[in-house]
Amino acid sequence: MVRSVGVPWRVVTVFDLRYSAASLRKGRRTGRRPEPTPIRRTVAVYMWARVNSRDRWVSRWAAGEERQARQRLRLTLGTIRQRVNATAAGRLALEAADDVDVVPARHRRNGLWLG
């Protein structure tokens, strides 16, 4: 689901108590418990995946990414196998495997954070 830019799906306000360095020094100096400072944080949620955790589109997209990553890995390893099995003067060409770069698959993380 896509919404126009600038309109959040949900706005959440979180209230928290934090100790500042000044309040910790003051508490240490007076011999009393430091006094926390109230902090209010507001977060605007612009992505549907963060609003509706029951929606399955992120997992379906990540599963597709995972399939594609496995296919790319199979092709790369097939290339490495072909180069290594190519004999040079009756011996296996093991140094040829260093020429092929195997890219790490980041499908699940990308599906969760970029989706």
Protein backbone atom coordinates (compact mmCIF):
# COMPACT_ATOMS: atom_id res chain seq x y z
CA MET A 1 0.00 0.00 0.00
CA VAL A 2 1.33 3.40 -0.96
CA ARG A 3 0.27 6.68 0.50
CA SER A 4 1.09 10.12 -0.78
CA VAL A 5 4.38 11.54 0.40
CA GLY A 6 4.16 13.61 3.55
CA VAL A 7 1.10 11.91 5.07
CA PRO A 8 2.03 9.43 7.83
CA TRP A 9 0.01 6.27 8.51
CA ARG A 10 0.23 6.79 12.24
CA VAL A 11 1.85 9.24 14.66
CA VAL A 12 3.00 7.88 18.01
CA THR A 13 4.10 9.96 21.00
CA VAL A 14 6.28 8.31 23.64
CA PHE A 15 6.95 9.84 27.04
CA ASP A 16 10.16 8.85 28.82
CA LEU A 17 12.31 9.89 31.78
CA ARG A 18 16.05 10.41 31.26
CA TYR A 19 18.91 11.42 33.53
CA SER A 20 21.00 14.26 32.15
CA ALA A 21 24.67 14.63 33.05
CA ALA A 22 23.83 17.81 34.95
CA SER A 23 21.15 16.10 37.07
CA LEU A 24 23.56 13.23 37.86
CA ARG A 25 26.23 15.73 38.98
CA LYS A 26 23.71 17.67 41.07
CA GLY A 27 22.47 14.47 42.73
CA ARG A 28 26.05 13.39 43.51
CA ARG A 29 26.91 16.85 44.84
CA THR A 30 23.85 17.09 47.13
CA GLY A 31 23.95 13.43 48.17
CA ARG A 32 20.41 12.83 46.93
CA ARG A 33 18.86 10.78 44.19
CA PRO A 34 19.18 12.48 40.78
CA GLU A 35 16.00 13.92 39.33
CA PRO A 36 15.07 12.63 35.86
CA THR A 37 14.02 14.98 33.07
CA PRO A 38 10.81 14.16 31.20
CA ILE A 39 11.30 13.74 27.45
CA ARG A 40 8.60 13.53 24.81
CA ARG A 41 9.36 11.89 21.47
CA THR A 42 7.02 11.86 18.51
CA VAL A 43 7.48 9.32 15.73
CA ALA A 44 5.63 9.49 12.42
CA VAL A 45 5.24 6.11 10.69
CA TYR A 46 5.28 6.42 6.91
CA MET A 47 5.56 2.75 5.89
CA TRP A 48 2.66 0.31 6.01
CA ALA A 49 4.90 -2.57 7.11
CA ARG A 50 5.65 -0.73 10.34
CA VAL A 51 1.98 0.03 11.04
CA ASN A 52 0.29 -3.31 10.32
CA SER A 53 2.47 -6.14 11.59
CA ARG A 54 -0.07 -8.75 10.42
CA ASP A 55 0.39 -7.82 6.78
CA ARG A 56 2.42 -10.51 4.99
CA TRP A 57 3.75 -8.54 2.02
CA VAL A 58 7.19 -8.04 3.60
CA SER A 59 7.66 -11.78 4.15
CA ARG A 60 6.48 -12.58 0.61
CA TRP A 61 8.86 -9.97 -0.82
CA ALA A 62 11.73 -11.30 1.33
CA ALA A 63 10.99 -14.88 0.19
CA GLY A 64 11.27 -13.74 -3.43
CA GLU A 65 14.55 -11.97 -2.66
CA GLU A 66 15.82 -15.13 -0.97
CA ARG A 67 14.97 -17.24 -4.04
CA GLN A 68 16.80 -14.83 -6.32
CA ALA A 69 19.83 -14.75 -3.99
CA ARG A 70 20.00 -18.56 -3.98
CA GLN A 71 19.81 -18.62 -7.79
CA ARG A 72 22.63 -16.07 -8.06
CA LEU A 73 24.70 -18.11 -5.60
CA ARG A 74 24.13 -21.32 -7.60
CA LEU A 75 25.24 -19.60 -10.80
CA THR A 76 28.34 -18.15 -9.15
CA LEU A 77 29.32 -21.47 -7.60
CA GLY A 78 28.75 -23.19 -10.94
CA THR A 79 31.18 -20.74 -12.53
CA ILE A 80 33.75 -21.43 -9.80
CA ARG A 81 33.31 -25.19 -10.25
CA GLN A 82 33.82 -24.92 -14.01
CA ARG A 83 36.99 -22.87 -13.61
CA VAL A 84 38.46 -25.16 -10.96
CA ASN A 85 37.65 -28.33 -12.89
CA ALA A 86 39.29 -26.95 -16.03
CA THR A 87 42.60 -28.74 -16.02
CA ALA A 88 45.83 -26.98 -16.81
CA ALA A 89 48.57 -29.44 -17.77
CA GLY A 90 46.76 -32.34 -16.08
CA ARG A 91 46.16 -30.54 -12.74
CA LEU A 92 43.13 -28.74 -11.32
CA ALA A 93 43.25 -24.95 -11.67
CA LEU A 94 42.60 -24.07 -8.01
CA GLU A 95 43.87 -20.50 -8.37
CA ALA A 96 41.05 -19.76 -10.84
CA ALA A 97 38.53 -19.84 -7.97
CA ASP A 98 40.05 -16.64 -6.57
CA ASP A 99 38.99 -14.69 -9.67
CA VAL A 100 35.24 -15.09 -9.00
CA ASP A 101 33.62 -12.89 -6.35
CA VAL A 102 30.82 -14.45 -4.26
CA VAL A 103 28.46 -11.71 -3.10
CA PRO A 104 26.87 -12.32 0.35
CA ALA A 105 23.08 -12.69 0.34
CA ARG A 106 21.25 -10.11 2.45
CA HIS A 107 17.71 -10.98 1.40
CA ARG A 108 15.94 -11.18 4.78
CA ARG A 109 17.53 -8.04 6.16
CA ASN A 110 16.76 -6.10 3.01
CA GLY A 111 13.21 -7.40 3.04
CA LEU A 112 12.65 -6.21 6.56
CA TRP A 113 14.47 -2.87 6.49
CA LEU A 114 14.11 -1.66 2.93
CA GLY A 115 10.60 -2.97 2.34
